[in-house]
N, C-alpha and C. Protein backbone atom coordinates (compact mmCIF):
# COMPACT_ATOMS: atom_id res chain seq x y z
N MET A 1 0.66 -1.33 0.31
CA MET A 1 0.43 0.31 0.13
C MET A 1 0.51 0.94 0.03
N ALA A 2 0.54 1.70 -1.27
CA ALA A 2 0.90 3.56 -0.40
C ALA A 2 0.96 4.49 0.08
N THR A 3 2.39 4.57 0.89
CA THR A 3 1.61 5.76 1.63
C THR A 3 1.11 8.09 0.93
N THR A 4 0.74 8.33 1.90
CA THR A 4 -0.18 9.81 0.14
C THR A 4 0.55 10.84 1.43
N SER A 5 0.12 11.63 0.48
CA SER A 5 0.94 12.92 0.72
C SER A 5 -1.27 13.70 1.67
N SER A 6 0.10 14.60 1.80
CA SER A 6 -1.60 16.10 2.47
C SER A 6 -2.82 15.62 1.22
N GLY A 7 -2.33 15.90 -0.29
CA GLY A 7 -3.27 15.64 -1.55
C GLY A 7 -3.55 14.72 -1.87
N GLY A 8 -3.27 13.19 -1.40
CA GLY A 8 -3.20 12.20 -1.97
C GLY A 8 -2.90 11.78 -3.18
N GLU A 9 -1.93 11.88 -3.11
CA GLU A 9 -0.65 11.99 -4.26
C GLU A 9 0.38 11.23 -3.50
N ALA A 10 0.57 10.09 -3.87
CA ALA A 10 1.93 9.12 -3.40
C ALA A 10 2.97 10.14 -2.24
N ALA A 11 3.12 9.44 -1.57
CA ALA A 11 4.46 10.30 -1.38
C ALA A 11 5.26 9.49 -2.40
N HIS A 12 5.58 8.27 -2.80
CA HIS A 12 7.16 8.12 -3.58
C HIS A 12 7.18 8.68 -4.50
N ALA A 13 5.89 9.52 -5.34
CA ALA A 13 6.07 10.17 -6.62
C ALA A 13 6.70 11.65 -5.94
N THR A 14 6.90 11.88 -4.49
CA THR A 14 6.92 12.93 -4.28
C THR A 14 8.85 13.14 -3.88
N ALA A 15 8.61 12.00 -3.64
CA ALA A 15 10.10 11.70 -3.08
C ALA A 15 11.31 12.85 -3.50
N ASP A 16 11.46 12.74 -5.11
CA ASP A 16 12.99 13.59 -5.40
C ASP A 16 12.04 15.03 -5.70
N ARG A 17 11.08 15.81 -5.52
CA ARG A 17 10.71 16.79 -5.11
C ARG A 17 10.44 17.81 -3.50
N GLU A 18 10.76 16.57 -2.93
CA GLU A 18 10.39 16.97 -1.20
C GLU A 18 12.01 17.68 -0.90
N VAL A 19 12.21 18.14 0.64
CA VAL A 19 12.82 18.66 1.77
C VAL A 19 12.27 18.38 3.28
N LEU A 20 12.03 17.39 3.37
CA LEU A 20 11.77 16.60 5.12
C LEU A 20 12.52 17.20 5.42
N ILE A 21 12.23 18.26 7.37
CA ILE A 21 13.26 18.68 8.56
C ILE A 21 11.93 18.21 9.34
N SER A 22 12.89 17.79 10.54
CA SER A 22 12.08 18.15 11.30
C SER A 22 12.84 18.52 12.49
N ARG A 23 12.57 18.60 14.59
CA ARG A 23 13.10 18.89 15.04
C ARG A 23 12.17 18.30 16.78
N VAL A 24 12.86 17.75 17.55
CA VAL A 24 12.18 17.75 18.98
C VAL A 24 11.78 18.84 18.78
N ILE A 25 11.09 19.46 20.43
CA ILE A 25 11.52 21.84 20.89
C ILE A 25 10.58 21.04 22.42
N GLY A 26 10.91 21.61 23.48
CA GLY A 26 11.02 21.37 24.94
C GLY A 26 9.32 22.15 25.19
N ALA A 27 8.49 21.69 24.77
CA ALA A 27 7.94 22.61 24.42
C ALA A 27 6.75 21.47 24.51
N PRO A 28 5.18 22.31 25.26
CA PRO A 28 3.86 21.16 24.85
C PRO A 28 3.80 21.36 23.31
N ARG A 29 2.97 20.88 22.98
CA ARG A 29 2.29 20.69 21.36
C ARG A 29 1.93 22.16 21.26
N GLU A 30 1.09 22.79 21.99
CA GLU A 30 -0.34 23.84 22.38
C GLU A 30 0.53 24.83 21.75
N LEU A 31 1.34 25.10 22.54
CA LEU A 31 2.60 26.34 22.57
C LEU A 31 2.92 26.59 21.65
N VAL A 32 3.68 25.26 20.72
CA VAL A 32 4.08 24.97 19.44
C VAL A 32 3.29 25.74 18.67
N PHE A 33 2.10 25.17 18.07
CA PHE A 33 0.38 24.81 17.29
C PHE A 33 0.37 26.73 17.44
N GLU A 34 0.55 26.98 18.78
CA GLU A 34 0.29 28.41 18.89
C GLU A 34 1.15 29.30 17.91
N ALA A 35 1.94 28.85 18.51
CA ALA A 35 3.41 29.64 18.09
C ALA A 35 2.93 30.33 16.38
N PHE A 36 2.23 29.36 15.83
CA PHE A 36 2.56 29.48 13.47
C PHE A 36 -0.12 30.19 13.81
N THR A 37 0.33 30.91 15.18
CA THR A 37 -1.77 31.04 15.38
C THR A 37 -1.69 32.18 15.32
N ARG A 38 -0.91 33.41 16.27
CA ARG A 38 -0.96 34.10 15.86
C ARG A 38 0.26 35.41 15.11
N VAL A 39 -0.24 36.29 14.65
CA VAL A 39 1.33 36.91 13.85
C VAL A 39 2.24 37.82 15.07
N ARG A 40 1.67 38.30 16.36
CA ARG A 40 2.98 38.20 16.98
C ARG A 40 3.85 37.08 17.30
N HIS A 41 3.57 35.61 17.26
CA HIS A 41 4.46 35.40 17.33
C HIS A 41 5.68 35.15 16.35
N LEU A 42 4.80 34.92 15.16
CA LEU A 42 5.44 34.13 13.93
C LEU A 42 6.93 35.73 13.95
N SER A 43 6.62 36.94 13.90
CA SER A 43 7.25 37.50 13.58
C SER A 43 8.89 37.78 14.46
N ARG A 44 8.06 36.50 15.41
CA ARG A 44 9.45 37.34 16.39
C ARG A 44 10.87 35.89 16.00
N TRP A 45 10.55 34.46 15.37
CA TRP A 45 11.03 33.30 14.93
C TRP A 45 11.32 33.42 13.58
N TRP A 46 10.20 33.45 12.53
CA TRP A 46 9.71 33.08 11.45
C TRP A 46 11.17 33.48 10.90
N GLY A 47 11.98 32.45 10.50
CA GLY A 47 12.80 32.51 9.11
C GLY A 47 13.93 32.03 9.51
N PRO A 48 15.53 31.59 8.81
CA PRO A 48 16.62 31.93 8.85
C PRO A 48 17.31 32.41 9.60
N GLU A 49 18.08 32.23 9.98
CA GLU A 49 19.64 33.39 11.04
C GLU A 49 19.11 34.68 10.79
N GLY A 50 19.12 35.81 11.58
CA GLY A 50 19.74 36.81 10.57
C GLY A 50 18.37 37.43 9.64
N PHE A 51 16.95 37.07 9.83
CA PHE A 51 16.10 37.60 8.71
C PHE A 51 14.66 37.96 9.55
N THR A 52 14.74 39.20 9.05
CA THR A 52 13.55 39.72 9.91
C THR A 52 12.25 39.49 9.27
N THR A 53 10.57 40.25 9.40
CA THR A 53 10.10 39.88 9.05
C THR A 53 8.80 41.22 9.32
N THR A 54 8.27 41.74 7.82
CA THR A 54 7.72 42.57 8.80
C THR A 54 5.69 42.28 7.76
N THR A 55 4.53 42.07 8.41
CA THR A 55 3.64 41.31 7.58
C THR A 55 3.06 42.58 6.86
N ARG A 56 1.71 42.15 6.55
CA ARG A 56 1.32 43.04 5.99
C ARG A 56 0.38 42.93 6.05
N SER A 57 -0.14 41.50 5.81
CA SER A 57 -1.49 41.25 6.33
C SER A 57 -1.07 39.56 6.46
N PHE A 58 -2.05 39.47 7.99
CA PHE A 58 -2.48 37.55 8.75
C PHE A 58 -3.87 37.90 9.53
N GLU A 59 -4.47 36.30 7.99
CA GLU A 59 -5.66 36.04 8.64
C GLU A 59 -5.26 34.51 8.60
N PHE A 60 -5.29 33.42 10.12
CA PHE A 60 -5.30 32.80 10.20
C PHE A 60 -5.72 31.53 9.93
N ARG A 61 -6.87 31.70 9.14
CA ARG A 61 -7.60 30.64 8.86
C ARG A 61 -7.39 29.88 7.56
N VAL A 62 -8.83 28.91 7.81
CA VAL A 62 -8.11 28.02 6.22
C VAL A 62 -9.19 29.17 4.49
N GLY A 63 -7.80 29.18 4.30
CA GLY A 63 -8.36 30.29 2.65
C GLY A 63 -7.64 31.58 2.69
N GLY A 64 -7.28 31.69 4.39
CA GLY A 64 -6.54 33.27 4.86
C GLY A 64 -5.29 32.91 4.04
N VAL A 65 -4.38 33.96 4.33
CA VAL A 65 -3.27 34.66 3.45
C VAL A 65 -2.50 35.60 5.24
N TRP A 66 -0.99 35.18 4.78
CA TRP A 66 0.24 36.07 5.38
C TRP A 66 0.06 36.23 4.17
N ASP A 67 0.39 37.68 4.17
CA ASP A 67 1.26 38.45 3.25
C ASP A 67 2.64 39.37 3.31
N PHE A 68 3.42 39.16 3.65
CA PHE A 68 4.62 39.55 4.57
C PHE A 68 5.62 39.56 4.17
N VAL A 69 7.42 40.40 4.34
CA VAL A 69 8.59 40.19 3.41
C VAL A 69 9.59 39.96 4.56
N MET A 70 10.00 38.83 4.10
CA MET A 70 10.97 38.87 3.97
C MET A 70 13.13 39.58 4.28
N HIS A 71 13.35 39.89 5.26
CA HIS A 71 14.89 40.81 4.68
C HIS A 71 14.92 40.38 5.37
N GLY A 72 16.05 40.06 4.68
CA GLY A 72 17.56 39.26 4.94
C GLY A 72 18.73 39.82 5.28
N PRO A 73 19.85 39.56 6.01
CA PRO A 73 20.70 40.19 6.84
C PRO A 73 21.81 40.65 5.55
N ASP A 74 21.42 40.78 4.12
CA ASP A 74 22.19 41.25 3.09
C ASP A 74 21.67 42.57 2.61
N GLY A 75 20.35 42.87 3.32
CA GLY A 75 19.99 43.21 2.89
C GLY A 75 18.67 43.67 1.65
N THR A 76 18.04 42.33 1.52
CA THR A 76 17.05 41.63 0.11
C THR A 76 16.25 41.42 0.86
N ASP A 77 15.14 42.76 0.63
CA ASP A 77 13.69 41.88 0.89
C ASP A 77 13.37 40.50 -0.26
N TYR A 78 12.38 39.64 0.40
CA TYR A 78 11.74 38.84 -0.52
C TYR A 78 10.77 38.77 0.14
N GLN A 79 9.84 38.79 -1.17
CA GLN A 79 8.57 39.05 -0.63
C GLN A 79 8.08 37.43 -0.77
N GLU A 80 6.71 37.72 0.46
CA GLU A 80 6.31 36.28 1.30
C GLU A 80 5.29 36.41 0.95
N TRP A 81 4.63 35.27 0.70
CA TRP A 81 3.16 35.13 0.87
C TRP A 81 2.63 33.81 0.69
N ILE A 82 1.76 33.67 2.05
CA ILE A 82 0.94 32.11 2.05
C ILE A 82 -0.66 31.91 2.16
N ILE A 83 -1.21 31.58 1.80
CA ILE A 83 -2.57 30.99 1.73
C ILE A 83 -2.45 29.29 2.99
N TRP A 84 -3.17 29.68 4.06
CA TRP A 84 -3.46 28.60 5.13
C TRP A 84 -4.62 27.65 3.92
N ARG A 85 -4.84 26.40 3.70
CA ARG A 85 -5.04 25.42 2.97
C ARG A 85 -5.66 23.91 4.27
N GLU A 86 -5.38 23.78 5.74
CA GLU A 86 -5.33 23.37 6.49
C GLU A 86 -5.15 23.22 7.09
N ILE A 87 -6.52 23.71 8.87
CA ILE A 87 -5.58 23.89 9.79
C ILE A 87 -6.49 22.43 11.18
N VAL A 88 -5.98 22.24 11.64
CA VAL A 88 -5.39 20.91 13.16
C VAL A 88 -5.51 21.46 14.36
N PRO A 89 -6.11 21.47 14.07
CA PRO A 89 -4.93 22.82 15.71
C PRO A 89 -5.62 21.54 16.87
N PRO A 90 -4.61 21.04 17.29
CA PRO A 90 -2.87 21.28 17.02
C PRO A 90 -2.12 20.20 16.17
N GLU A 91 -2.70 19.70 16.07
CA GLU A 91 -2.09 18.09 15.52
C GLU A 91 -0.86 18.44 14.13
N ARG A 92 -1.65 19.63 12.71
CA ARG A 92 -1.34 19.87 12.03
C ARG A 92 -1.68 21.31 10.82
N ILE A 93 -0.44 21.60 10.39
CA ILE A 93 -0.78 23.09 9.20
C ILE A 93 -0.50 22.79 7.74
N ALA A 94 -1.39 22.99 6.45
CA ALA A 94 -1.07 22.51 5.62
C ALA A 94 -1.15 24.23 5.09
N LEU A 95 0.51 23.71 3.55
CA LEU A 95 -0.31 25.62 3.34
C LEU A 95 0.32 26.18 1.75
N LEU A 96 0.33 26.99 0.78
CA LEU A 96 0.48 26.63 -0.03
C LEU A 96 1.92 28.44 -0.11
N HIS A 97 2.68 28.39 -0.17
CA HIS A 97 3.64 29.37 0.05
C HIS A 97 4.49 29.72 -1.20
N GLY A 98 4.44 30.93 -1.84
CA GLY A 98 5.49 31.38 -2.43
C GLY A 98 4.93 32.61 -2.97
N GLU A 99 5.66 33.77 -3.70
CA GLU A 99 5.70 35.35 -3.48
C GLU A 99 4.70 35.90 -4.17
N SER A 100 3.68 35.28 -4.47
CA SER A 100 2.62 35.86 -4.23
C SER A 100 1.20 34.46 -4.64
N GLY A 101 0.07 34.88 -4.91
CA GLY A 101 -1.10 34.10 -5.40
C GLY A 101 -1.21 33.46 -6.44
N ASP A 102 -0.35 34.36 -6.94
CA ASP A 102 0.25 33.17 -7.97
C ASP A 102 1.06 32.35 -9.01
N ASP A 103 1.90 33.03 -7.72
CA ASP A 103 3.03 32.81 -8.48
C ASP A 103 3.44 30.74 -8.12
N PRO A 104 4.38 30.10 -9.89
CA PRO A 104 4.02 29.19 -10.26
C PRO A 104 4.41 28.03 -10.00
N ASP A 105 6.00 28.92 -8.93
CA ASP A 105 6.68 28.14 -8.06
C ASP A 105 6.67 27.90 -7.19
N ALA A 106 4.64 28.26 -6.37
CA ALA A 106 4.79 27.93 -5.37
C ALA A 106 4.98 26.53 -4.36
N PHE A 107 5.19 25.91 -3.52
CA PHE A 107 5.23 25.11 -2.96
C PHE A 107 4.56 25.27 -1.92
N GLU A 108 4.47 23.13 -1.31
CA GLU A 108 3.30 23.08 -0.27
C GLU A 108 4.25 22.44 1.17
N SER A 109 2.96 22.66 1.56
CA SER A 109 4.31 22.61 2.99
C SER A 109 3.10 21.46 4.40
N VAL A 110 3.47 20.71 4.69
CA VAL A 110 2.44 20.18 5.86
C VAL A 110 3.54 20.27 6.94
N LEU A 111 2.43 20.79 8.58
CA LEU A 111 3.39 20.66 9.55
C LEU A 111 2.60 19.77 9.86
N THR A 112 3.10 18.53 11.34
CA THR A 112 2.64 18.08 11.56
C THR A 112 3.62 18.45 13.96
N PHE A 113 2.44 18.24 14.02
CA PHE A 113 2.68 18.66 15.41
C PHE A 113 2.20 17.20 16.25
N GLU A 114 4.30 16.72 16.52
CA GLU A 114 3.40 15.15 17.67
C GLU A 114 3.88 15.09 19.01
N PRO A 115 2.77 14.79 19.68
CA PRO A 115 3.77 15.14 21.52
C PRO A 115 4.65 13.56 21.52
N ALA A 116 6.14 14.54 21.93
CA ALA A 116 7.26 13.01 22.19
C ALA A 116 7.25 13.62 24.03
N GLY A 117 6.77 12.54 25.17
CA GLY A 117 6.79 13.22 25.90
C GLY A 117 6.42 14.54 26.35
N GLU A 118 6.65 15.08 27.32
CA GLU A 118 6.71 16.57 27.79
C GLU A 118 6.68 17.87 25.94
N GLN A 119 7.09 16.61 25.79
CA GLN A 119 8.26 17.74 24.56
C GLN A 119 6.98 17.48 23.16
N THR A 120 7.79 18.63 21.93
CA THR A 120 6.16 18.41 20.41
C THR A 120 7.69 17.78 19.77
N ARG A 121 7.23 16.80 18.23
CA ARG A 121 7.89 16.43 17.37
C ARG A 121 7.77 17.74 16.79
N ILE A 122 7.91 18.12 15.90
CA ILE A 122 7.88 19.37 14.86
C ILE A 122 7.86 18.81 13.25
N VAL A 123 6.79 17.56 12.35
CA VAL A 123 7.72 17.23 11.25
C VAL A 123 7.19 17.90 10.37
N MET A 124 8.15 19.27 9.27
CA MET A 124 8.42 19.82 8.33
C MET A 124 8.90 19.80 6.84
N ARG A 125 7.29 18.57 6.39
CA ARG A 125 7.36 18.72 4.82
C ARG A 125 7.63 19.64 3.34
N THR A 126 7.56 19.76 2.54
CA THR A 126 7.84 20.53 2.03
C THR A 126 8.26 19.94 0.46
N VAL A 127 7.14 20.18 -0.11
CA VAL A 127 7.09 19.91 -2.16
C VAL A 127 6.83 20.84 -2.76
N PHE A 128 7.88 20.38 -3.21
CA PHE A 128 8.18 21.45 -4.66
C PHE A 128 7.58 21.00 -5.91
N PRO A 129 7.11 21.54 -7.14
CA PRO A 129 5.94 21.35 -8.22
C PRO A 129 6.80 20.58 -9.25
N THR A 130 8.16 20.58 -8.77
CA THR A 130 9.53 19.33 -10.25
C THR A 130 10.20 19.04 -9.00
N LYS A 131 11.22 18.72 -9.74
CA LYS A 131 12.72 18.64 -9.17
C LYS A 131 13.54 19.22 -8.52
N GLU A 132 13.72 20.17 -10.65
CA GLU A 132 14.48 20.85 -10.21
C GLU A 132 13.77 22.61 -9.40
N LEU A 133 12.98 22.56 -8.79
CA LEU A 133 12.68 23.98 -8.45
C LEU A 133 13.17 23.23 -6.50
N ARG A 134 13.18 22.24 -6.23
CA ARG A 134 13.44 22.05 -5.59
C ARG A 134 15.29 21.25 -5.32
N ASP A 135 15.76 20.56 -5.97
CA ASP A 135 17.42 20.79 -6.37
C ASP A 135 17.97 22.77 -6.32
N GLU A 136 17.34 23.32 -7.47
CA GLU A 136 17.12 25.47 -6.94
C GLU A 136 16.76 25.40 -5.24
N ALA A 137 15.91 24.92 -4.59
CA ALA A 137 16.11 25.57 -3.39
C ALA A 137 16.74 25.51 -2.96
N VAL A 138 17.61 24.11 -2.63
CA VAL A 138 18.78 23.48 -2.20
C VAL A 138 19.69 24.06 -1.94
N GLU A 139 20.66 23.89 -2.91
CA GLU A 139 21.99 24.33 -3.98
C GLU A 139 22.02 25.41 -3.87
N LYS A 140 21.57 26.76 -3.85
CA LYS A 140 20.43 28.25 -4.44
C LYS A 140 20.40 28.72 -3.34
N TYR A 141 19.15 27.84 -1.96
CA TYR A 141 18.51 29.57 -1.52
C TYR A 141 18.84 28.66 0.18
N HIS A 142 19.68 27.35 0.30
CA HIS A 142 20.12 26.71 1.34
C HIS A 142 18.75 26.42 2.37
N ALA A 143 17.63 26.10 1.42
CA ALA A 143 16.66 24.79 1.97
C ALA A 143 16.50 24.67 2.70
N ILE A 144 17.38 23.72 2.88
CA ILE A 144 17.53 22.67 3.83
C ILE A 144 18.32 23.51 5.51
N GLU A 145 19.13 24.28 5.25
CA GLU A 145 19.95 24.80 6.29
C GLU A 145 19.25 25.88 6.76
N GLY A 146 17.94 26.19 6.39
CA GLY A 146 17.69 27.35 6.34
C GLY A 146 16.28 27.21 6.81
N GLY A 147 15.48 25.62 6.82
CA GLY A 147 14.24 25.45 7.63
C GLY A 147 15.21 25.40 8.98
N GLU A 148 16.14 24.44 8.88
CA GLU A 148 17.02 23.82 10.47
C GLU A 148 16.84 25.19 11.19
N GLN A 149 17.23 26.36 10.29
CA GLN A 149 17.72 27.29 11.21
C GLN A 149 15.84 27.93 12.24
N THR A 150 15.43 27.68 11.02
CA THR A 150 13.76 28.13 11.08
C THR A 150 13.18 27.68 12.12
N LEU A 151 12.96 25.95 12.35
CA LEU A 151 12.69 25.55 13.39
C LEU A 151 13.92 25.91 15.09
N ARG A 152 14.56 25.58 14.85
CA ARG A 152 14.98 26.17 15.65
C ARG A 152 15.25 27.44 16.69
N ASN A 153 14.97 28.72 15.46
CA ASN A 153 13.94 29.42 16.33
C ASN A 153 13.15 30.10 16.13
N LEU A 154 12.42 28.97 16.29
CA LEU A 154 11.26 28.24 16.23
C LEU A 154 11.13 28.07 18.03
N ALA A 155 12.27 27.07 18.55
CA ALA A 155 12.08 26.29 19.23
C ALA A 155 13.03 26.97 20.28
N ALA A 156 13.65 28.13 20.36
CA ALA A 156 14.53 28.79 21.27
C ALA A 156 13.71 29.66 21.50
N TYR A 157 11.97 30.49 20.90
CA TYR A 157 11.34 30.57 21.42
C TYR A 157 9.89 30.48 21.53
N VAL A 158 9.31 30.17 21.33
CA VAL A 158 8.29 28.99 22.78
C VAL A 158 8.88 28.61 24.00
N MET A 159 10.20 28.31 24.41
CA MET A 159 10.85 27.80 25.47
C MET A 159 11.12 28.87 26.05
N GLU A 160 11.68 29.80 25.41
CA GLU A 160 11.21 31.31 26.06
C GLU A 160 9.51 31.61 26.26
N VAL A 161 8.94 31.77 25.56
CA VAL A 161 7.66 32.19 26.45
C VAL A 161 7.38 31.48 27.30
N ALA A 162 7.29 29.59 27.12
CA ALA A 162 7.39 28.74 28.32
C ALA A 162 7.99 29.60 30.26
N ARG A 163 8.77 30.10 29.72
CA ARG A 163 9.85 30.31 31.18
C ARG A 163 8.98 31.47 32.00
N GLU A 164 8.56 32.21 30.01
CA GLU A 164 7.89 33.61 30.82
C GLU A 164 6.48 33.46 31.11
N ARG A 165 5.85 32.19 30.81
CA ARG A 165 4.88 32.42 31.37
C ARG A 165 4.15 30.98 32.48
N SER A 166 5.46 30.50 32.98
CA SER A 166 5.56 29.49 34.24
C SER A 166 6.36 30.49 35.28
N THR A 167 6.48 32.06 34.92
CA THR A 167 7.15 32.47 35.96
C THR A 167 5.46 33.68 36.14
N GLY A 168 4.64 34.05 35.63
CA GLY A 168 3.60 34.88 35.54
C GLY A 168 4.48 36.11 34.86
N ARG A 169 5.36 36.60 33.99
CA ARG A 169 5.34 37.26 33.05
C ARG A 169 4.78 38.31 31.97
N GLY A 170 3.93 36.24 31.36
CA GLY A 170 3.50 36.06 30.00
C GLY A 170 2.25 35.64 30.24
N PRO A 171 0.92 35.91 28.76
CA PRO A 171 0.12 35.84 28.94
C PRO A 171 -0.55 34.44 29.18
N ALA A 172 -1.27 33.57 29.90
CA ALA A 172 -1.37 32.53 29.88
C ALA A 172 -1.29 31.26 28.29
N THR A 173 -2.44 32.19 27.23
CA THR A 173 -1.93 31.72 25.76
C THR A 173 -2.72 32.88 25.56
N ALA A 174 -2.47 33.27 23.89
CA ALA A 174 -2.87 33.65 23.03
C ALA A 174 -3.96 34.88 22.94
N GLY A 175 -5.04 33.93 23.11
CA GLY A 175 -6.14 34.93 23.43
C GLY A 175 -5.67 36.08 24.14
N GLU A 176 -5.37 36.13 25.60
CA GLU A 176 -5.17 36.85 26.59
C GLU A 176 -4.53 38.20 25.43
N THR A 177 -4.02 38.08 25.17
CA THR A 177 -3.28 39.34 24.08
C THR A 177 -5.06 39.45 23.55
N THR A 178 -5.53 41.25 23.66
CA THR A 178 -6.38 41.54 22.49
C THR A 178 -6.47 42.57 21.72
N THR A 179 -5.53 43.22 22.15
CA THR A 179 -4.87 44.45 21.79
C THR A 179 -3.69 44.51 20.61
N GLU A 180 -3.73 42.99 20.33
CA GLU A 180 -2.56 43.10 19.37
C GLU A 180 -2.69 43.34 18.79
N GLN A 181 -1.90 43.47 16.75
CA GLN A 181 -2.64 44.95 15.80
C GLN A 181 -1.90 43.37 15.08
N GLU A 182 -2.75 43.08 14.24
CA GLU A 182 -2.23 42.38 12.91
C GLU A 182 -1.42 41.85 12.09
N THR A 183 -0.80 43.43 11.76
CA THR A 183 -1.30 43.70 10.57
C THR A 183 0.59 44.93 10.57
N GLY A 184 1.21 44.78 10.43
CA GLY A 184 2.93 45.29 10.78
C GLY A 184 3.39 45.62 11.27
N GLN A 185 3.59 43.59 11.62
CA GLN A 185 4.19 43.50 13.19
C GLN A 185 5.95 43.17 12.12
N GLU A 186 6.65 43.61 13.17
CA GLU A 186 8.01 43.34 13.06
C GLU A 186 8.83 42.42 13.93
N GLY A 187 9.47 41.64 13.08
CA GLY A 187 11.12 40.65 14.33
C GLY A 187 12.01 41.04 13.50
N THR A 188 12.38 40.30 14.67
CA THR A 188 14.19 39.36 14.16
C THR A 188 13.95 38.58 14.57
N VAL A 189 14.66 37.20 13.87
CA VAL A 189 15.29 36.18 14.25
C VAL A 189 16.84 37.03 14.72
N ARG A 190 17.27 36.13 15.61
CA ARG A 190 18.66 36.19 16.44
C ARG A 190 19.29 35.16 15.91
């Protein structure tokens, strides 16, 4: 029996077009999942080392869009656009990621959040439209290293939030922050 991807496509059919990255994070999966649901969290950890993010619009719901710019450490700006395709709290998020809504090179990503004792294993599976686009992302844009750095930044961020909450310095849940503005958020990834 063939394993299928989120779109029903056999996994072996996409093996030469995909990148798979995972990491165990020392925080509960509800908190790790929450880090994807609010722009104030995303703007603090999203992206490889040295990148910052400016959000133009953010709507976390199936069919909603996150429109943002990633600022590279060399001053290059990257136009980014994500549409959320599936959201199953706190287990799974599927998305389409490109430069814009009509980007023919946009790629699919599925993130799964698996409990690992008191920690969380996050698995990020990205499938590119072609093997050539996958190879270009890996070789030219260092997609694997960038993905690993992004998950490392996420791990550091959620552990910081968990510490703040355990000492009563941070909100217990994202819903407790009602004054958050969901656009124009900037953040620096250390």
